[in-house]
Each structure stands twice: as structure tokens, then as C-alpha cells.
Amino acid sequence: MVRNVSVGPDWSEPWPSPVADRSWVSDDGTEWRMRGGPIGEREVRRLLRRPDVRVLHVYGTEPVELPAKEASEVLDALQVFYDGRAQPFADFVVADFRSNDHDVLIVIEESC
């Protein structure tokens, strides 16, 4: 499978982009598919209320998957972005992904 990538800040190393690919395979082999397009703050908040939701933070060449309750730093940075207080050029794209078992993964791609 060919993966879409973006280029990191030094313009040399490609970064993965599950949102552009519309799919992701986690380390445990679970296949995830994106539902619809990128989602906004309201939808993110709704999904985070689910006790079983997982979060994939994509920033750099090695995305990190976290249980939602352990993703507070990423979610805090996302809230700063939604509040309009983020650093210049900071950007986030968030999407809702589902597995074949209907598990939920929120993918947060961060760039600067």
C-alpha cells in the first residue's frame, strides 16, 4: 500500500498521514478506516466521551497511539488551537477512524 506523506520541518524526512491515506494499521495489526472528512471540536468532544476511544497523535515520523485518558497533553494543545491561542503556523487535522469491530480511533495530525 502506498502511503501519503507530508514533509517534516527540515524538508527531508517524510511524515505519515493517515488522514490523507484515509486508513491506518496500528501496531497490533488493527485496520482502521476514516469516516467522512476531518472533524471539528464538537465531534472531537463527543467521541472523547466514549470510554473505549483511542487517540493516534501524528507528529513526526513515528505516530504514537494512546488511550484517551493518557492523551491529555495532545488534547490540551488541540484545545489551545481551537481557542485560537496556538503558535503561528500551528495546525491540527482531526479525523474519526473505525475498525472492522467498530472500535473508535481519533487521529490527530499536528504540524507547524
Protein backbone atom coordinates (compact mmCIF):
# COMPACT_ATOMS: atom_id res chain seq x y z
CA MET A 1 0.00 0.00 0.00
CA VAL A 2 1.38 3.40 -0.96
CA ARG A 3 1.14 5.88 1.89
CA ASN A 4 0.58 9.60 1.57
CA VAL A 5 3.11 11.58 3.48
CA SER A 6 3.94 15.15 4.26
CA VAL A 7 7.42 16.52 4.68
CA GLY A 8 8.77 17.36 8.12
CA PRO A 9 10.12 20.74 9.20
CA ASP A 10 13.59 20.02 7.81
CA TRP A 11 12.08 19.14 4.39
CA SER A 12 13.99 15.85 4.25
CA GLU A 13 12.14 13.15 6.13
CA PRO A 14 8.59 12.17 5.17
CA TRP A 15 5.91 12.06 7.86
CA PRO A 16 2.98 9.61 7.62
CA SER A 17 -0.51 10.99 7.04
CA PRO A 18 -3.34 8.60 7.95
CA VAL A 19 -5.87 11.35 7.15
CA ALA A 20 -4.56 11.71 3.59
CA ASP A 21 -4.39 7.90 3.28
CA ARG A 22 -7.86 7.56 4.86
CA SER A 23 -6.53 4.43 6.59
CA TRP A 24 -4.15 3.27 9.29
CA VAL A 25 -2.83 -0.06 10.51
CA SER A 26 -1.94 0.02 14.20
CA ASP A 27 0.96 -1.87 15.76
CA ASP A 28 -1.39 -4.67 16.86
CA GLY A 29 -2.50 -5.18 13.23
CA THR A 30 -5.90 -3.50 13.56
CA GLU A 31 -7.00 -1.91 10.30
CA TRP A 32 -8.68 1.49 10.66
CA ARG A 33 -10.70 3.37 8.04
CA MET A 34 -11.53 7.06 8.11
CA ARG A 35 -15.20 8.04 8.32
CA GLY A 36 -16.09 11.11 6.30
CA GLY A 37 -13.75 14.08 6.34
CA PRO A 38 -11.87 15.90 9.06
CA ILE A 39 -13.94 16.63 12.17
CA GLY A 40 -14.30 19.72 14.34
CA GLU A 41 -14.20 20.47 18.03
CA ARG A 42 -17.78 19.43 18.74
CA GLU A 43 -17.33 15.98 17.20
CA VAL A 44 -13.95 15.51 18.94
CA ARG A 45 -15.59 16.24 22.31
CA ARG A 46 -18.42 13.79 21.57
CA LEU A 47 -16.02 11.00 20.63
CA LEU A 48 -13.82 11.60 23.67
CA ARG A 49 -16.79 10.79 25.92
CA ARG A 50 -16.61 7.19 24.72
CA PRO A 51 -14.76 5.12 27.34
CA ASP A 52 -13.03 2.90 24.77
CA VAL A 53 -11.79 5.62 22.38
CA ARG A 54 -8.14 5.58 21.36
CA VAL A 55 -6.06 8.51 20.12
CA LEU A 56 -3.34 8.45 17.47
CA HIS A 57 -1.08 11.50 17.64
CA VAL A 58 0.78 12.05 14.38
CA TYR A 59 3.65 14.48 14.74
CA GLY A 60 6.89 13.35 13.19
CA THR A 61 7.88 10.07 11.63
CA GLU A 62 6.59 7.82 14.43
CA PRO A 63 2.89 8.27 15.29
CA VAL A 64 2.00 7.40 18.90
CA GLU A 65 -1.23 5.65 19.88
CA LEU A 66 -2.61 6.43 23.33
CA PRO A 67 -5.73 5.67 25.35
CA ALA A 68 -7.75 8.92 25.50
CA LYS A 69 -7.15 9.34 29.24
CA GLU A 70 -3.36 9.35 28.62
CA ALA A 71 -3.53 11.86 25.75
CA SER A 72 -4.04 14.96 27.89
CA GLU A 73 -1.02 16.90 26.56
CA VAL A 74 -2.08 16.42 22.94
CA LEU A 75 -5.69 17.24 23.78
CA ASP A 76 -4.61 20.35 25.70
CA ALA A 77 -2.61 21.54 22.66
CA LEU A 78 -5.64 20.85 20.46
CA GLN A 79 -7.83 22.94 22.79
CA VAL A 80 -5.35 25.84 22.60
CA PHE A 81 -5.63 25.57 18.81
CA TYR A 82 -9.45 25.57 18.91
CA ASP A 83 -9.35 28.59 21.25
CA GLY A 84 -7.25 30.50 18.71
CA ARG A 85 -4.25 30.74 21.04
CA ALA A 86 -1.87 28.40 19.18
CA GLN A 87 1.54 29.42 17.94
CA PRO A 88 1.65 30.92 14.44
CA PHE A 89 1.66 28.23 11.75
CA ALA A 90 0.50 25.54 14.20
CA ASP A 91 -2.14 23.35 12.61
CA PHE A 92 -4.18 20.29 13.53
CA VAL A 93 -6.30 17.98 11.42
CA VAL A 94 -8.52 15.54 13.33
CA ALA A 95 -10.45 12.60 11.93
CA ASP A 96 -12.69 9.77 13.12
CA PHE A 97 -11.43 6.27 12.24
CA ARG A 98 -13.21 2.96 12.86
CA SER A 99 -12.04 -0.64 12.89
CA ASN A 100 -13.97 -3.59 11.46
CA ASP A 101 -15.10 -4.22 15.06
CA HIS A 102 -16.46 -0.63 15.24
CA ASP A 103 -13.78 0.50 17.72
CA VAL A 104 -13.04 4.23 17.60
CA LEU A 105 -9.70 5.91 16.92
CA ILE A 106 -9.32 9.68 16.86
CA VAL A 107 -6.40 10.62 14.61
CA ILE A 108 -4.79 13.96 15.44
CA GLU A 109 -2.26 15.15 12.89
CA GLU A 110 -0.22 18.06 14.18
CA SER A 111 2.00 20.21 12.00
CA CYS A 112 3.80 23.51 12.29
